[in-house]
Every structure is written in C-alpha cells, then in structure tokens.
C-alpha cells in the first residue's frame, strides 16, 4: 500500500540518444523537495519499446540536497506513450545515502510517477511503499 508522499520534482530532459540495441537513453535534470529538503537531481534512464507497445525502463540518478547531503538511486518501471514525444512511467526506485537525515530512504522501496511531455518538461512524485 502507498504510504506517505516523500516528495515532488520538476525539470527538463537534457539529452536523448538511440543506443545500438535500439533502446533510447534519456538524461534529465530536476529540482524540488524530498523529505522536506530542497534538492537538485540528475539522472539517466534507458527505455525499450516492448512488443505490445508499452515501454520498459531502467535508470539511475543522484540527488544533491541544499543541506549538502547526497543520495543515489537506481530503479525501473513500465510506461507508455501518452502522445507523440510524451511518456508516462510508473515504477520503483531504491536509494542509498550516508546522510543521517535521509537514512529512512535506505530502508524503503520508493514508488514513483514520472511524466515527460513532448517539450521535454518532466514531473515526478514519489511515495513510500509500505
């Protein structure tokens, strides 16, 4: 079951490229708050089109918090095209941090909603999965 909403970020796709295996790699930068602390985030995910028209993606990223803390994440999810050039993903990420203030992130699965529109604008929300 979904627990507490942990945060929300908004940003921009900063790069895209097609890999030799046909996957598409997307890099992005976002900013917002997680656990009430302001952050900047950068991340990259690769996505592949599955035979049924859905998308499968895996990625990793880093949060750099305004208080000097950092946290890395890895995760994956499934998605779909919502219109040409726009995607919507749902999935889970897992954090690793040395920060005492953010240590809770080390102990939970974090589920997310991620949207990117045809202009490269991104928006994501994250919740604790209980």
N, C-alpha and C. Protein backbone atom coordinates (compact mmCIF):
# COMPACT_ATOMS: atom_id res chain seq x y z
N UNK A 1 0.84 -1.17 0.00
CA UNK A 1 0.00 0.00 0.00
C UNK A 1 0.89 1.24 0.00
N UNK A 2 0.39 2.28 -0.62
CA UNK A 2 1.15 3.53 -0.64
C UNK A 2 1.16 4.16 0.73
N UNK A 3 2.33 4.65 1.10
CA UNK A 3 2.48 5.38 2.35
C UNK A 3 2.55 6.87 2.07
N UNK A 4 3.33 7.52 2.87
CA UNK A 4 3.49 8.96 2.80
C UNK A 4 4.11 9.41 1.48
N UNK A 5 3.61 10.52 0.94
CA UNK A 5 4.26 11.13 -0.22
C UNK A 5 5.58 11.72 0.28
N UNK A 6 6.69 11.31 -0.33
CA UNK A 6 8.01 11.73 0.11
C UNK A 6 8.49 12.99 -0.58
N UNK A 7 8.00 13.24 -1.80
CA UNK A 7 8.47 14.43 -2.49
C UNK A 7 7.96 14.57 -3.89
N UNK A 8 8.37 15.69 -4.50
CA UNK A 8 7.95 16.02 -5.85
C UNK A 8 9.05 16.85 -6.51
N UNK A 9 9.31 16.57 -7.79
CA UNK A 9 10.34 17.29 -8.53
C UNK A 9 9.83 17.63 -9.93
N UNK A 10 10.39 18.68 -10.49
CA UNK A 10 10.08 19.10 -11.86
C UNK A 10 11.38 19.45 -12.55
N UNK A 11 11.43 19.26 -13.87
CA UNK A 11 12.66 19.58 -14.56
C UNK A 11 12.54 19.51 -16.06
N UNK A 12 13.65 19.08 -16.67
CA UNK A 12 13.78 19.11 -18.12
C UNK A 12 14.64 17.95 -18.60
N UNK A 13 14.25 17.35 -19.72
CA UNK A 13 15.10 16.39 -20.41
C UNK A 13 16.28 17.17 -20.98
N UNK A 14 17.51 16.69 -20.73
CA UNK A 14 18.71 17.41 -21.18
C UNK A 14 19.41 16.72 -22.34
N UNK A 15 19.03 15.48 -22.64
CA UNK A 15 19.65 14.77 -23.75
C UNK A 15 18.95 13.47 -24.04
N UNK A 16 19.02 13.05 -25.31
CA UNK A 16 18.46 11.78 -25.74
C UNK A 16 19.37 11.20 -26.81
N UNK A 17 19.48 9.87 -26.82
CA UNK A 17 20.21 9.22 -27.90
C UNK A 17 19.70 7.79 -28.05
N UNK A 18 19.80 7.28 -29.26
CA UNK A 18 19.41 5.91 -29.56
C UNK A 18 20.66 5.05 -29.45
N UNK A 19 20.58 3.98 -28.66
CA UNK A 19 21.69 3.06 -28.47
C UNK A 19 21.68 1.99 -29.56
N UNK A 20 22.79 1.29 -29.72
CA UNK A 20 22.91 0.27 -30.76
C UNK A 20 21.87 -0.83 -30.65
N UNK A 21 21.43 -1.13 -29.43
CA UNK A 21 20.44 -2.20 -29.25
C UNK A 21 19.01 -1.73 -29.46
N UNK A 22 18.85 -0.48 -29.90
CA UNK A 22 17.52 0.06 -30.16
C UNK A 22 16.87 0.74 -28.98
N UNK A 23 17.50 0.65 -27.82
CA UNK A 23 16.98 1.36 -26.65
C UNK A 23 17.23 2.85 -26.82
N UNK A 24 16.43 3.64 -26.13
CA UNK A 24 16.62 5.08 -26.13
C UNK A 24 17.08 5.50 -24.74
N UNK A 25 18.16 6.25 -24.68
CA UNK A 25 18.72 6.75 -23.41
C UNK A 25 18.29 8.21 -23.24
N UNK A 26 17.78 8.53 -22.07
CA UNK A 26 17.30 9.87 -21.76
C UNK A 26 17.98 10.37 -20.50
N UNK A 27 18.53 11.58 -20.55
CA UNK A 27 19.10 12.23 -19.36
C UNK A 27 18.21 13.41 -19.00
N UNK A 28 18.13 13.69 -17.70
CA UNK A 28 17.27 14.77 -17.23
C UNK A 28 17.86 15.43 -15.99
N UNK A 29 17.40 16.65 -15.73
CA UNK A 29 17.72 17.36 -14.50
C UNK A 29 16.41 17.86 -13.92
N UNK A 30 16.29 17.76 -12.59
CA UNK A 30 15.06 18.18 -11.92
C UNK A 30 15.42 18.86 -10.60
N UNK A 31 14.47 19.57 -10.06
CA UNK A 31 14.63 20.15 -8.72
C UNK A 31 13.29 20.09 -8.01
N UNK A 32 13.36 20.10 -6.69
CA UNK A 32 12.15 20.03 -5.88
C UNK A 32 12.50 19.71 -4.45
N UNK A 33 11.66 18.90 -3.81
CA UNK A 33 11.89 18.54 -2.41
C UNK A 33 11.63 17.05 -2.21
N UNK A 34 12.43 16.43 -1.37
CA UNK A 34 12.19 15.08 -0.86
C UNK A 34 12.43 15.14 0.64
N UNK A 35 11.52 14.58 1.40
CA UNK A 35 11.55 14.62 2.87
C UNK A 35 11.69 16.06 3.37
N UNK A 36 11.08 16.99 2.65
CA UNK A 36 11.07 18.39 3.05
C UNK A 36 12.34 19.16 2.78
N UNK A 37 13.33 18.53 2.13
CA UNK A 37 14.61 19.18 1.87
C UNK A 37 14.73 19.49 0.38
N UNK A 38 15.09 20.74 0.04
CA UNK A 38 15.30 21.14 -1.35
C UNK A 38 16.43 20.34 -1.97
N UNK A 39 16.26 20.00 -3.26
CA UNK A 39 17.29 19.22 -3.94
C UNK A 39 17.37 19.56 -5.41
N UNK A 40 18.53 19.21 -5.98
CA UNK A 40 18.74 19.18 -7.42
C UNK A 40 19.03 17.72 -7.75
N UNK A 41 18.51 17.27 -8.88
CA UNK A 41 18.67 15.87 -9.27
C UNK A 41 19.15 15.80 -10.71
N UNK A 42 20.00 14.83 -10.98
CA UNK A 42 20.31 14.48 -12.36
C UNK A 42 20.20 12.97 -12.47
N UNK A 43 19.70 12.52 -13.63
CA UNK A 43 19.51 11.10 -13.81
C UNK A 43 19.51 10.71 -15.27
N UNK A 44 19.63 9.43 -15.51
CA UNK A 44 19.60 8.87 -16.85
C UNK A 44 18.83 7.56 -16.80
N UNK A 45 17.98 7.35 -17.79
CA UNK A 45 17.33 6.05 -17.92
C UNK A 45 17.36 5.61 -19.37
N UNK A 46 17.33 4.29 -19.56
CA UNK A 46 17.21 3.75 -20.91
C UNK A 46 15.88 3.03 -20.98
N UNK A 47 15.24 3.15 -22.11
CA UNK A 47 13.92 2.55 -22.28
C UNK A 47 13.85 1.79 -23.59
N UNK A 48 13.09 0.72 -23.55
CA UNK A 48 12.90 -0.08 -24.75
C UNK A 48 11.41 -0.24 -25.01
N UNK A 49 11.06 -0.26 -26.28
CA UNK A 49 9.69 -0.48 -26.70
C UNK A 49 9.43 -1.98 -26.72
N UNK A 50 8.42 -2.42 -25.99
CA UNK A 50 8.08 -3.84 -25.94
C UNK A 50 7.09 -4.17 -27.06
N UNK A 51 6.95 -5.45 -27.35
CA UNK A 51 6.13 -5.88 -28.49
C UNK A 51 4.66 -5.45 -28.38
N UNK A 52 4.18 -5.23 -27.16
CA UNK A 52 2.78 -4.81 -27.00
C UNK A 52 2.61 -3.29 -27.04
N UNK A 53 3.71 -2.55 -27.32
CA UNK A 53 3.64 -1.10 -27.41
C UNK A 53 3.92 -0.37 -26.12
N UNK A 54 4.09 -1.11 -25.02
CA UNK A 54 4.46 -0.48 -23.75
C UNK A 54 5.97 -0.29 -23.69
N UNK A 55 6.41 0.44 -22.70
CA UNK A 55 7.82 0.74 -22.51
C UNK A 55 8.33 0.12 -21.22
N UNK A 56 9.58 -0.32 -21.23
CA UNK A 56 10.25 -0.76 -20.01
C UNK A 56 11.51 0.08 -19.86
N UNK A 57 11.70 0.66 -18.69
CA UNK A 57 12.87 1.50 -18.47
C UNK A 57 13.60 1.17 -17.19
N UNK A 58 14.92 1.40 -17.21
CA UNK A 58 15.77 1.26 -16.03
C UNK A 58 16.67 2.47 -15.97
N UNK A 59 16.94 2.96 -14.74
CA UNK A 59 17.77 4.14 -14.65
C UNK A 59 18.46 4.29 -13.32
N UNK A 60 19.21 5.39 -13.22
CA UNK A 60 19.93 5.73 -12.01
C UNK A 60 20.09 7.25 -11.96
N UNK A 61 20.31 7.73 -10.75
CA UNK A 61 20.47 9.16 -10.60
C UNK A 61 21.06 9.53 -9.26
N UNK A 62 21.23 10.83 -9.08
CA UNK A 62 21.80 11.37 -7.84
C UNK A 62 20.99 12.58 -7.41
N UNK A 63 20.68 12.63 -6.13
CA UNK A 63 20.08 13.82 -5.52
C UNK A 63 21.18 14.57 -4.78
N UNK A 64 21.24 15.87 -4.99
CA UNK A 64 22.15 16.74 -4.26
C UNK A 64 21.28 17.72 -3.48
N UNK A 65 21.29 17.61 -2.17
CA UNK A 65 20.39 18.36 -1.31
C UNK A 65 21.00 19.69 -0.90
N UNK A 66 20.13 20.66 -0.64
CA UNK A 66 20.56 22.02 -0.28
C UNK A 66 21.39 22.02 1.01
N UNK A 67 21.19 21.03 1.88
CA UNK A 67 21.95 20.98 3.14
C UNK A 67 23.31 20.29 2.98
N UNK A 68 23.67 19.92 1.72
CA UNK A 68 24.96 19.28 1.46
C UNK A 68 24.90 17.76 1.38
N UNK A 69 23.79 17.16 1.75
CA UNK A 69 23.65 15.71 1.68
C UNK A 69 23.48 15.25 0.23
N UNK A 70 23.77 13.98 0.00
CA UNK A 70 23.55 13.39 -1.31
C UNK A 70 22.89 12.02 -1.14
N UNK A 71 22.22 11.58 -2.19
CA UNK A 71 21.63 10.24 -2.21
C UNK A 71 21.64 9.76 -3.66
N UNK A 72 22.01 8.51 -3.86
CA UNK A 72 21.98 7.89 -5.19
C UNK A 72 20.76 6.97 -5.26
N UNK A 73 20.22 6.80 -6.45
CA UNK A 73 19.10 5.89 -6.64
C UNK A 73 19.27 5.06 -7.91
N UNK A 74 18.62 3.89 -7.89
CA UNK A 74 18.52 3.02 -9.05
C UNK A 74 17.09 2.49 -9.07
N UNK A 75 16.58 2.22 -10.27
CA UNK A 75 15.22 1.70 -10.32
C UNK A 75 14.77 1.37 -11.71
N UNK A 76 13.49 1.05 -11.80
CA UNK A 76 12.91 0.71 -13.08
C UNK A 76 11.41 0.85 -13.05
N UNK A 77 10.83 0.81 -14.25
CA UNK A 77 9.38 0.92 -14.33
C UNK A 77 8.86 0.62 -15.71
N UNK A 78 7.56 0.64 -15.82
CA UNK A 78 6.88 0.45 -17.08
C UNK A 78 6.16 1.73 -17.46
N UNK A 79 6.02 1.92 -18.77
CA UNK A 79 5.41 3.16 -19.21
C UNK A 79 4.70 3.01 -20.54
N UNK A 80 4.27 4.17 -21.03
CA UNK A 80 3.57 4.23 -22.30
C UNK A 80 3.74 5.62 -22.90
N UNK A 81 3.56 5.69 -24.20
CA UNK A 81 3.49 6.99 -24.85
C UNK A 81 2.10 7.56 -24.59
N UNK A 82 2.03 8.81 -24.17
CA UNK A 82 0.73 9.44 -23.94
C UNK A 82 0.31 10.28 -25.14
N UNK A 83 1.27 10.68 -25.94
CA UNK A 83 1.09 11.35 -27.22
C UNK A 83 2.46 11.37 -27.87
N UNK A 84 2.58 11.72 -29.13
CA UNK A 84 3.91 11.70 -29.77
C UNK A 84 4.94 12.52 -28.98
N UNK A 85 6.03 11.85 -28.58
CA UNK A 85 7.10 12.52 -27.86
C UNK A 85 6.89 12.66 -26.37
N UNK A 86 5.76 12.19 -25.85
CA UNK A 86 5.47 12.31 -24.42
C UNK A 86 5.31 10.92 -23.81
N UNK A 87 5.86 10.73 -22.59
CA UNK A 87 5.80 9.43 -21.93
C UNK A 87 5.30 9.56 -20.50
N UNK A 88 4.80 8.44 -19.99
CA UNK A 88 4.36 8.33 -18.61
C UNK A 88 4.87 7.00 -18.08
N UNK A 89 5.58 7.03 -16.93
CA UNK A 89 6.12 5.82 -16.31
C UNK A 89 5.63 5.68 -14.88
N UNK A 90 5.52 4.43 -14.42
CA UNK A 90 5.27 4.09 -13.03
C UNK A 90 6.27 3.01 -12.65
N UNK A 91 6.85 3.11 -11.45
CA UNK A 91 7.83 2.10 -11.06
C UNK A 91 8.31 2.29 -9.65
N UNK A 92 9.48 1.73 -9.38
CA UNK A 92 10.06 1.78 -8.04
C UNK A 92 11.54 2.12 -8.14
N UNK A 93 12.02 2.87 -7.16
CA UNK A 93 13.44 3.18 -7.05
C UNK A 93 13.91 2.86 -5.64
N UNK A 94 15.23 2.68 -5.54
CA UNK A 94 15.85 2.32 -4.27
C UNK A 94 17.03 3.24 -4.05
N UNK A 95 17.07 3.86 -2.88
CA UNK A 95 18.08 4.86 -2.56
C UNK A 95 19.23 4.28 -1.75
N UNK A 96 20.35 4.97 -1.83
CA UNK A 96 21.49 4.72 -0.96
C UNK A 96 22.07 6.08 -0.57
N UNK A 97 22.15 6.32 0.74
CA UNK A 97 22.71 7.57 1.23
C UNK A 97 23.45 7.34 2.54
N UNK A 98 24.42 8.18 2.81
CA UNK A 98 25.14 8.16 4.09
C UNK A 98 24.57 9.18 5.05
N UNK A 99 23.64 10.01 4.58
CA UNK A 99 23.05 11.07 5.38
C UNK A 99 22.18 10.51 6.51
N UNK A 100 22.39 11.00 7.72
CA UNK A 100 21.55 10.59 8.84
C UNK A 100 20.13 11.12 8.66
N UNK A 101 20.01 12.35 8.16
CA UNK A 101 18.69 12.95 7.97
C UNK A 101 17.86 12.19 6.93
N UNK A 102 18.54 11.60 5.93
CA UNK A 102 17.84 10.92 4.85
C UNK A 102 17.90 9.40 4.97
N UNK A 103 18.42 8.88 6.07
CA UNK A 103 18.65 7.44 6.24
C UNK A 103 17.39 6.61 6.01
N UNK A 104 16.25 7.18 6.27
CA UNK A 104 14.98 6.47 6.04
C UNK A 104 14.88 5.97 4.60
N UNK A 105 15.45 6.73 3.65
CA UNK A 105 15.38 6.33 2.24
C UNK A 105 16.09 5.00 1.98
N UNK A 106 17.06 4.65 2.80
CA UNK A 106 17.80 3.39 2.64
C UNK A 106 16.95 2.17 2.96
N UNK A 107 15.84 2.36 3.65
CA UNK A 107 15.08 1.24 4.20
C UNK A 107 13.74 1.00 3.54
N UNK A 108 13.41 1.77 2.50
CA UNK A 108 12.09 1.64 1.88
C UNK A 108 12.20 1.52 0.36
N UNK A 109 11.22 0.86 -0.21
CA UNK A 109 11.02 0.94 -1.66
C UNK A 109 10.24 2.23 -1.90
N UNK A 110 10.65 2.97 -2.89
CA UNK A 110 10.01 4.24 -3.21
C UNK A 110 9.34 4.08 -4.57
N UNK A 111 8.04 4.26 -4.61
CA UNK A 111 7.32 4.16 -5.89
C UNK A 111 7.16 5.55 -6.48
N UNK A 112 7.14 5.60 -7.81
CA UNK A 112 7.11 6.90 -8.47
C UNK A 112 6.12 6.96 -9.61
N UNK A 113 5.73 8.19 -9.93
CA UNK A 113 5.04 8.56 -11.15
C UNK A 113 5.96 9.55 -11.84
N UNK A 114 6.26 9.33 -13.11
CA UNK A 114 7.14 10.20 -13.88
C UNK A 114 6.48 10.51 -15.20
N UNK A 115 6.43 11.78 -15.56
CA UNK A 115 5.86 12.22 -16.82
C UNK A 115 6.88 13.11 -17.53
N UNK A 116 6.98 12.96 -18.83
CA UNK A 116 7.78 13.86 -19.66
C UNK A 116 6.93 14.22 -20.87
N UNK A 117 6.77 15.52 -21.13
CA UNK A 117 5.94 15.92 -22.26
C UNK A 117 6.77 16.06 -23.54
N UNK A 118 6.11 16.38 -24.62
CA UNK A 118 6.77 16.47 -25.93
C UNK A 118 7.78 17.61 -26.01
N UNK A 119 7.76 18.53 -25.05
CA UNK A 119 8.74 19.62 -24.99
C UNK A 119 9.89 19.34 -24.04
N UNK A 120 9.91 18.13 -23.45
CA UNK A 120 10.99 17.74 -22.55
C UNK A 120 10.81 18.18 -21.11
N UNK A 121 9.63 18.69 -20.75
CA UNK A 121 9.35 19.06 -19.36
C UNK A 121 9.03 17.80 -18.57
N UNK A 122 9.61 17.66 -17.38
CA UNK A 122 9.41 16.47 -16.56
C UNK A 122 8.74 16.82 -15.24
N UNK A 123 8.04 15.84 -14.69
CA UNK A 123 7.39 15.99 -13.39
C UNK A 123 7.33 14.62 -12.75
N UNK A 124 7.76 14.50 -11.51
CA UNK A 124 7.73 13.22 -10.82
C UNK A 124 7.28 13.41 -9.37
N UNK A 125 6.56 12.41 -8.88
CA UNK A 125 6.17 12.34 -7.48
C UNK A 125 6.63 10.99 -6.94
N UNK A 126 7.02 10.96 -5.66
CA UNK A 126 7.49 9.72 -5.04
C UNK A 126 6.79 9.49 -3.70
N UNK A 127 6.50 8.21 -3.44
CA UNK A 127 5.85 7.79 -2.21
C UNK A 127 6.60 6.62 -1.60
N UNK A 128 6.51 6.50 -0.30
CA UNK A 128 7.00 5.29 0.38
C UNK A 128 6.02 4.17 0.08
N UNK A 129 6.54 2.98 -0.21
CA UNK A 129 5.70 1.81 -0.40
C UNK A 129 5.76 0.99 0.88
N UNK A 130 4.65 0.85 1.56
CA UNK A 130 4.60 0.14 2.84
C UNK A 130 4.33 -1.32 2.63
